[in-house]
C-alpha cells in the first residue's frame, strides 16, 4: 500500500535533504534521480532495498553511488530517509484526523539505543509538531543545515532521560528518526 502522505512530502523535499555534504547533495542530477527512485520504486511499489532484485536495479541505476560507498551506508541512507519521510507523513495524517496527542512507539528490546529507549512512551502535541513541519517544508530544505538534527547529535541519552516531554518538544525532538536507521514511530493517544 502506498503511503500517500509520505509520497506527498517526498515531492516537497529538495535534493539536499539527503545529506550533509555527501555525493547526493554534491551532485544535483544524482540527487534528483535518487528522489525519483525513492518515490517511484521504494514508496509507490513498496520495494525493499534488501531484496536482491531491488538492489540489482539500484546498482544499475546508481553505479557511481554504489562504487563510492558500501551497501550498509546506502541502506542506512534509504532507511533513515524513508523513516523521516514516513514520520512527516504520519504527522500530517494525525493532524488531519483531529488527533491531539501521540506517543513514541517502537521496539523496546535489543537492538535499541539508549536515546530511543528514553523516548519510548513520550507524548507530544500533534498541532505543535504539524506547525513545525509546515514551517520547515515552507522554508524548504535548501541547505543541509536546514535539516532537523538527530536527537543523538544534540543530547546525551542521560540528558534526554532528564528532560520532560514538553522540553523535548520545545527543542524540536518530537518526531523520529532520532538517529540513522531509527525504527521508532508515532501512535495516536487521543
C-alpha atoms as a PDB file:
ATOM      1  CA  UNK A   1       0.000   0.000   0.000  1.00  0.00           C
ATOM      2  CA  UNK A   2       1.346   3.405  -0.977  1.00  0.00           C
ATOM      3  CA  UNK A   3       1.852   5.852   1.877  1.00  0.00           C
ATOM      4  CA  UNK A   4       0.266   8.873   0.189  1.00  0.00           C
ATOM      5  CA  UNK A   5       1.401  11.302   2.887  1.00  0.00           C
ATOM      6  CA  UNK A   6       4.988  10.104   2.612  1.00  0.00           C
ATOM      7  CA  UNK A   7       4.728  10.463  -1.152  1.00  0.00           C
ATOM      8  CA  UNK A   8       3.291  13.978  -0.789  1.00  0.00           C
ATOM      9  CA  UNK A   9       6.124  15.042   1.490  1.00  0.00           C
ATOM     10  CA  UNK A  10       8.796  13.411  -0.617  1.00  0.00           C
ATOM     11  CA  UNK A  11       7.781  15.531  -3.591  1.00  0.00           C
ATOM     12  CA  UNK A  12       8.290  18.687  -1.474  1.00  0.00           C
ATOM     13  CA  UNK A  13      11.747  17.792  -0.239  1.00  0.00           C
ATOM     14  CA  UNK A  14      14.755  19.243  -2.037  1.00  0.00           C
ATOM     15  CA  UNK A  15      17.654  17.056  -3.122  1.00  0.00           C
ATOM     16  CA  UNK A  16      19.746  18.500  -0.286  1.00  0.00           C
ATOM     17  CA  UNK A  17      17.501  16.625   2.138  1.00  0.00           C
ATOM     18  CA  UNK A  18      19.625  13.594   1.572  1.00  0.00           C
ATOM     19  CA  UNK A  19      22.714  14.514   3.407  1.00  0.00           C
ATOM     20  CA  UNK A  20      25.402  16.655   4.808  1.00  0.00           C
ATOM     21  CA  UNK A  21      27.980  17.046   2.070  1.00  0.00           C
ATOM     22  CA  UNK A  22      27.513  13.583   0.641  1.00  0.00           C
ATOM     23  CA  UNK A  23      27.614  12.524  -3.011  1.00  0.00           C
ATOM     24  CA  UNK A  24      23.867  13.037  -3.417  1.00  0.00           C
ATOM     25  CA  UNK A  25      23.913  16.592  -2.109  1.00  0.00           C
ATOM     26  CA  UNK A  26      27.021  17.383  -4.176  1.00  0.00           C
ATOM     27  CA  UNK A  27      25.514  16.148  -7.437  1.00  0.00           C
ATOM     28  CA  UNK A  28      22.147  17.735  -8.157  1.00  0.00           C
ATOM     29  CA  UNK A  29      21.336  15.358 -11.025  1.00  0.00           C
ATOM     30  CA  UNK A  30      22.036  12.212  -8.988  1.00  0.00           C
ATOM     31  CA  UNK A  31      20.165  13.698  -6.025  1.00  0.00           C
ATOM     32  CA  UNK A  32      17.063  14.268  -8.148  1.00  0.00           C
ATOM     33  CA  UNK A  33      17.346  10.775  -9.642  1.00  0.00           C
ATOM     34  CA  UNK A  34      17.590   9.334  -6.148  1.00  0.00           C
ATOM     35  CA  UNK A  35      14.454  11.216  -5.029  1.00  0.00           C
ATOM     36  CA  UNK A  36      12.630   9.981  -8.101  1.00  0.00           C
ATOM     37  CA  UNK A  37      13.761   6.396  -7.452  1.00  0.00           C
ATOM     38  CA  UNK A  38      12.608   6.554  -3.836  1.00  0.00           C
ATOM     39  CA  UNK A  39       9.258   7.932  -4.912  1.00  0.00           C
ATOM     40  CA  UNK A  40       8.644   5.626  -7.876  1.00  0.00           C
ATOM     41  CA  UNK A  41      10.151   2.413  -6.613  1.00  0.00           C
ATOM     42  CA  UNK A  42      10.528   2.470  -2.860  1.00  0.00           C
ATOM     43  CA  UNK A  43       7.263   4.168  -1.857  1.00  0.00           C
ATOM     44  CA  UNK A  44       4.891   3.599  -4.776  1.00  0.00           C
ATOM     45  CA  UNK A  45       5.854  -0.019  -5.449  1.00  0.00           C
ATOM     46  CA  UNK A  46       6.779  -0.894  -1.862  1.00  0.00           C
ATOM     47  CA  UNK A  47      10.172  -2.291  -2.811  1.00  0.00           C
ATOM     48  CA  UNK A  48      12.790  -3.185  -0.211  1.00  0.00           C
ATOM     49  CA  UNK A  49      16.439  -2.224  -0.736  1.00  0.00           C
ATOM     50  CA  UNK A  50      17.431  -5.556   0.849  1.00  0.00           C
ATOM     51  CA  UNK A  51      15.586  -7.513  -1.838  1.00  0.00           C
ATOM     52  CA  UNK A  52      18.194  -8.874  -4.313  1.00  0.00           C
ATOM     53  CA  UNK A  53      16.244  -7.723  -7.383  1.00  0.00           C
ATOM     54  CA  UNK A  54      15.707  -4.241  -5.944  1.00  0.00           C
ATOM     55  CA  UNK A  55      19.388  -3.989  -5.029  1.00  0.00           C
ATOM     56  CA  UNK A  56      20.394  -5.104  -8.531  1.00  0.00           C
ATOM     57  CA  UNK A  57      18.150  -2.414 -10.043  1.00  0.00           C
ATOM     58  CA  UNK A  58      19.525   0.182  -7.627  1.00  0.00           C
ATOM     59  CA  UNK A  59      23.091  -0.852  -8.513  1.00  0.00           C
ATOM     60  CA  UNK A  60      22.367  -0.476 -12.242  1.00  0.00           C
ATOM     61  CA  UNK A  61      20.707   2.904 -11.745  1.00  0.00           C
ATOM     62  CA  UNK A  62      23.259   4.340  -9.327  1.00  0.00           C
ATOM     63  CA  UNK A  63      26.510   2.648 -10.330  1.00  0.00           C
ATOM     64  CA  UNK A  64      28.628   5.644  -9.286  1.00  0.00           C
ATOM     65  CA  UNK A  65      26.964   5.850  -5.894  1.00  0.00           C
ATOM     66  CA  UNK A  66      27.407   2.125  -5.310  1.00  0.00           C
ATOM     67  CA  UNK A  67      31.073   2.339  -6.326  1.00  0.00           C
ATOM     68  CA  UNK A  68      31.681   5.196  -3.867  1.00  0.00           C
ATOM     69  CA  UNK A  69      30.177   3.641  -0.779  1.00  0.00           C
ATOM     70  CA  UNK A  70      29.117   0.423   0.865  1.00  0.00           C
ATOM     71  CA  UNK A  71      25.740  -1.280   0.842  1.00  0.00           C
ATOM     72  CA  UNK A  72      25.470  -0.539   4.563  1.00  0.00           C
ATOM     73  CA  UNK A  73      25.771   3.224   4.019  1.00  0.00           C
ATOM     74  CA  UNK A  74      23.298   3.168   1.126  1.00  0.00           C
ATOM     75  CA  UNK A  75      20.818   1.081   3.112  1.00  0.00           C
ATOM     76  CA  UNK A  76      21.300   3.453   6.062  1.00  0.00           C
ATOM     77  CA  UNK A  77      20.598   6.455   3.841  1.00  0.00           C
ATOM     78  CA  UNK A  78      17.494   4.866   2.299  1.00  0.00           C
ATOM     79  CA  UNK A  79      16.025   3.567   5.563  1.00  0.00           C
ATOM     80  CA  UNK A  80      16.705   6.778   7.503  1.00  0.00           C
ATOM     81  CA  UNK A  81      15.304   8.938   4.718  1.00  0.00           C
ATOM     82  CA  UNK A  82      12.192   6.815   4.437  1.00  0.00           C
ATOM     83  CA  UNK A  83      11.769   6.798   8.224  1.00  0.00           C
ATOM     84  CA  UNK A  84      11.892  10.584   8.286  1.00  0.00           C
ATOM     85  CA  UNK A  85       9.526  10.967   5.338  1.00  0.00           C
ATOM     86  CA  UNK A  86       7.054   8.440   6.790  1.00  0.00           C
ATOM     87  CA  UNK A  87       7.106  10.179  10.162  1.00  0.00           C
ATOM     88  CA  UNK A  88       6.494  13.512   8.437  1.00  0.00           C
ATOM     89  CA  UNK A  89       3.550  11.996   6.598  1.00  0.00           C
ATOM     90  CA  UNK A  90       2.232  10.490   9.803  1.00  0.00           C
ATOM     91  CA  UNK A  91       2.299  13.908  11.480  1.00  0.00           C
ATOM     92  CA  UNK A  92       0.011  15.225   8.755  1.00  0.00           C
ATOM     93  CA  UNK A  93      -2.273  12.180   8.976  1.00  0.00           C
ATOM     94  CA  UNK A  94      -2.669  12.614  12.743  1.00  0.00           C
ATOM     95  CA  UNK A  95      -3.340  16.332  12.336  1.00  0.00           C
ATOM     96  CA  UNK A  96      -5.895  15.788   9.555  1.00  0.00           C
ATOM     97  CA  UNK A  97      -7.645  13.130  11.671  1.00  0.00           C
ATOM     98  CA  UNK A  98      -8.038  15.602  14.541  1.00  0.00           C
ATOM     99  CA  UNK A  99      -5.766  13.639  16.900  1.00  0.00           C
ATOM    100  CA  UNK A 100      -4.494  15.860  19.713  1.00  0.00           C
ATOM    101  CA  UNK A 101      -1.546  13.855  21.057  1.00  0.00           C
ATOM    102  CA  UNK A 102       0.641  10.953  20.050  1.00  0.00           C
ATOM    103  CA  UNK A 103       3.281   8.871  21.736  1.00  0.00           C
ATOM    104  CA  UNK A 104       6.550   7.393  20.566  1.00  0.00           C
ATOM    105  CA  UNK A 105       6.393   3.645  19.965  1.00  0.00           C
ATOM    106  CA  UNK A 106       8.749   1.050  18.586  1.00  0.00           C
ATOM    107  CA  UNK A 107      10.975  -1.804  19.622  1.00  0.00           C
ATOM    108  CA  UNK A 108      11.696  -1.895  23.333  1.00  0.00           C
ATOM    109  CA  UNK A 109      14.223  -4.727  23.332  1.00  0.00           C
ATOM    110  CA  UNK A 110      17.659  -5.160  21.816  1.00  0.00           C
ATOM    111  CA  UNK A 111      18.738  -3.740  19.497  1.00  0.00           C
ATOM    112  CA  UNK A 112      17.632  -0.375  20.860  1.00  0.00           C
ATOM    113  CA  UNK A 113      19.851   2.560  21.652  1.00  0.00           C
ATOM    114  CA  UNK A 114      19.700   4.445  24.941  1.00  0.00           C
ATOM    115  CA  UNK A 115      18.275   7.516  23.192  1.00  0.00           C
ATOM    116  CA  UNK A 116      15.325   5.620  21.737  1.00  0.00           C
ATOM    117  CA  UNK A 117      14.748   3.716  24.960  1.00  0.00           C
ATOM    118  CA  UNK A 118      14.393   7.026  26.782  1.00  0.00           C
ATOM    119  CA  UNK A 119      11.916   8.264  24.127  1.00  0.00           C
ATOM    120  CA  UNK A 120       9.516   5.287  24.295  1.00  0.00           C
ATOM    121  CA  UNK A 121       6.117   6.350  25.587  1.00  0.00           C
ATOM    122  CA  UNK A 122       6.863  10.078  25.395  1.00  0.00           C
ATOM    123  CA  UNK A 123       3.749  12.047  24.457  1.00  0.00           C
ATOM    124  CA  UNK A 124       3.680  15.087  22.206  1.00  0.00           C
ATOM    125  CA  UNK A 125       1.170  17.620  20.878  1.00  0.00           C
ATOM    126  CA  UNK A 126       0.169  16.959  17.252  1.00  0.00           C
ATOM    127  CA  UNK A 127      -0.583  20.587  16.413  1.00  0.00           C
ATOM    128  CA  UNK A 128       2.847  21.748  17.594  1.00  0.00           C
ATOM    129  CA  UNK A 129       4.531  19.030  15.517  1.00  0.00           C
ATOM    130  CA  UNK A 130       2.383  19.787  12.448  1.00  0.00           C
ATOM    131  CA  UNK A 131       3.037  23.526  12.715  1.00  0.00           C
ATOM    132  CA  UNK A 132       6.798  22.959  12.973  1.00  0.00           C
ATOM    133  CA  UNK A 133       6.677  20.600   9.981  1.00  0.00           C
ATOM    134  CA  UNK A 134       4.676  23.118   7.908  1.00  0.00           C
ATOM    135  CA  UNK A 135       7.218  25.869   8.670  1.00  0.00           C
ATOM    136  CA  UNK A 136      10.104  23.574   7.730  1.00  0.00           C
ATOM    137  CA  UNK A 137       8.504  22.486   4.453  1.00  0.00           C
ATOM    138  CA  UNK A 138       7.504  26.060   3.615  1.00  0.00           C
ATOM    139  CA  UNK A 139      11.102  27.175   4.127  1.00  0.00           C
ATOM    140  CA  UNK A 140      12.410  24.253   2.080  1.00  0.00           C
ATOM    141  CA  UNK A 141      15.472  22.148   2.654  1.00  0.00           C
ATOM    142  CA  UNK A 142      17.795  24.434   0.739  1.00  0.00           C
ATOM    143  CA  UNK A 143      20.890  23.722   2.792  1.00  0.00           C
ATOM    144  CA  UNK A 144      21.857  20.646   4.792  1.00  0.00           C
ATOM    145  CA  UNK A 145      21.885  22.853   7.913  1.00  0.00           C
ATOM    146  CA  UNK A 146      18.114  23.357   7.490  1.00  0.00           C
ATOM    147  CA  UNK A 147      17.501  19.693   8.293  1.00  0.00           C
ATOM    148  CA  UNK A 148      16.334  18.830  11.781  1.00  0.00           C
ATOM    149  CA  UNK A 149      19.281  17.345  13.681  1.00  0.00           C
ATOM    150  CA  UNK A 150      19.279  13.884  15.152  1.00  0.00           C
ATOM    151  CA  UNK A 151      18.492  13.723  18.861  1.00  0.00           C
ATOM    152  CA  UNK A 152      21.671  11.698  19.407  1.00  0.00           C
ATOM    153  CA  UNK A 153      23.722  14.568  17.924  1.00  0.00           C
ATOM    154  CA  UNK A 154      22.276  17.151  20.295  1.00  0.00           C
ATOM    155  CA  UNK A 155      21.862  15.463  23.690  1.00  0.00           C
ATOM    156  CA  UNK A 156      23.297  12.511  25.562  1.00  0.00           C
ATOM    157  CA  UNK A 157      20.900   9.717  26.486  1.00  0.00           C
ATOM    158  CA  UNK A 158      21.159  10.783  30.152  1.00  0.00           C
ATOM    159  CA  UNK A 159      20.151  14.339  29.241  1.00  0.00           C
ATOM    160  CA  UNK A 160      17.159  13.037  27.301  1.00  0.00           C
ATOM    161  CA  UNK A 161      16.070  10.945  30.284  1.00  0.00           C
ATOM    162  CA  UNK A 162      16.153  14.065  32.468  1.00  0.00           C
ATOM    163  CA  UNK A 163      14.091  16.174  30.044  1.00  0.00           C
ATOM    164  CA  UNK A 164      10.310  16.433  30.174  1.00  0.00           C
ATOM    165  CA  UNK A 165       8.133  15.745  27.136  1.00  0.00           C
ATOM    166  CA  UNK A 166       7.417  19.490  26.886  1.00  0.00           C
ATOM    167  CA  UNK A 167      11.146  20.309  26.922  1.00  0.00           C
ATOM    168  CA  UNK A 168      11.865  17.768  24.204  1.00  0.00           C
ATOM    169  CA  UNK A 169       9.062  19.110  22.030  1.00  0.00           C
ATOM    170  CA  UNK A 170      10.181  22.707  22.576  1.00  0.00           C
ATOM    171  CA  UNK A 171      13.652  21.652  21.420  1.00  0.00           C
ATOM    172  CA  UNK A 172      12.114  20.098  18.275  1.00  0.00           C
ATOM    173  CA  UNK A 173      12.583  16.416  19.050  1.00  0.00           C
ATOM    174  CA  UNK A 174       9.010  15.181  18.973  1.00  0.00           C
ATOM    175  CA  UNK A 175       9.468  13.163  15.787  1.00  0.00           C
ATOM    176  CA  UNK A 176      11.721  10.221  14.912  1.00  0.00           C
ATOM    177  CA  UNK A 177      14.175   9.356  13.489  1.00  0.00           C
ATOM    178  CA  UNK A 178      16.372  10.092  16.462  1.00  0.00           C
ATOM    179  CA  UNK A 179      19.492   8.680  14.771  1.00  0.00           C
ATOM    180  CA  UNK A 180      20.336   6.942  11.476  1.00  0.00           C
ATOM    181  CA  UNK A 181      18.251   3.787  10.897  1.00  0.00           C
ATOM    182  CA  UNK A 182      15.944   4.632  13.821  1.00  0.00           C
ATOM    183  CA  UNK A 183      12.930   2.292  13.852  1.00  0.00           C
ATOM    184  CA  UNK A 184      10.653   4.293  16.143  1.00  0.00           C
ATOM    185  CA  UNK A 185       7.332   5.791  15.077  1.00  0.00           C
ATOM    186  CA  UNK A 186       4.245   7.530  16.458  1.00  0.00           C
ATOM    187  CA  UNK A 187       0.912   6.198  17.701  1.00  0.00           C
ATOM    188  CA  UNK A 188      -2.197   8.266  18.389  1.00  0.00           C
ATOM    189  CA  UNK A 189      -3.057   8.719  22.048  1.00  0.00           C
ATOM    190  CA  UNK A 190      -6.208  10.873  21.874  1.00  0.00           C
END
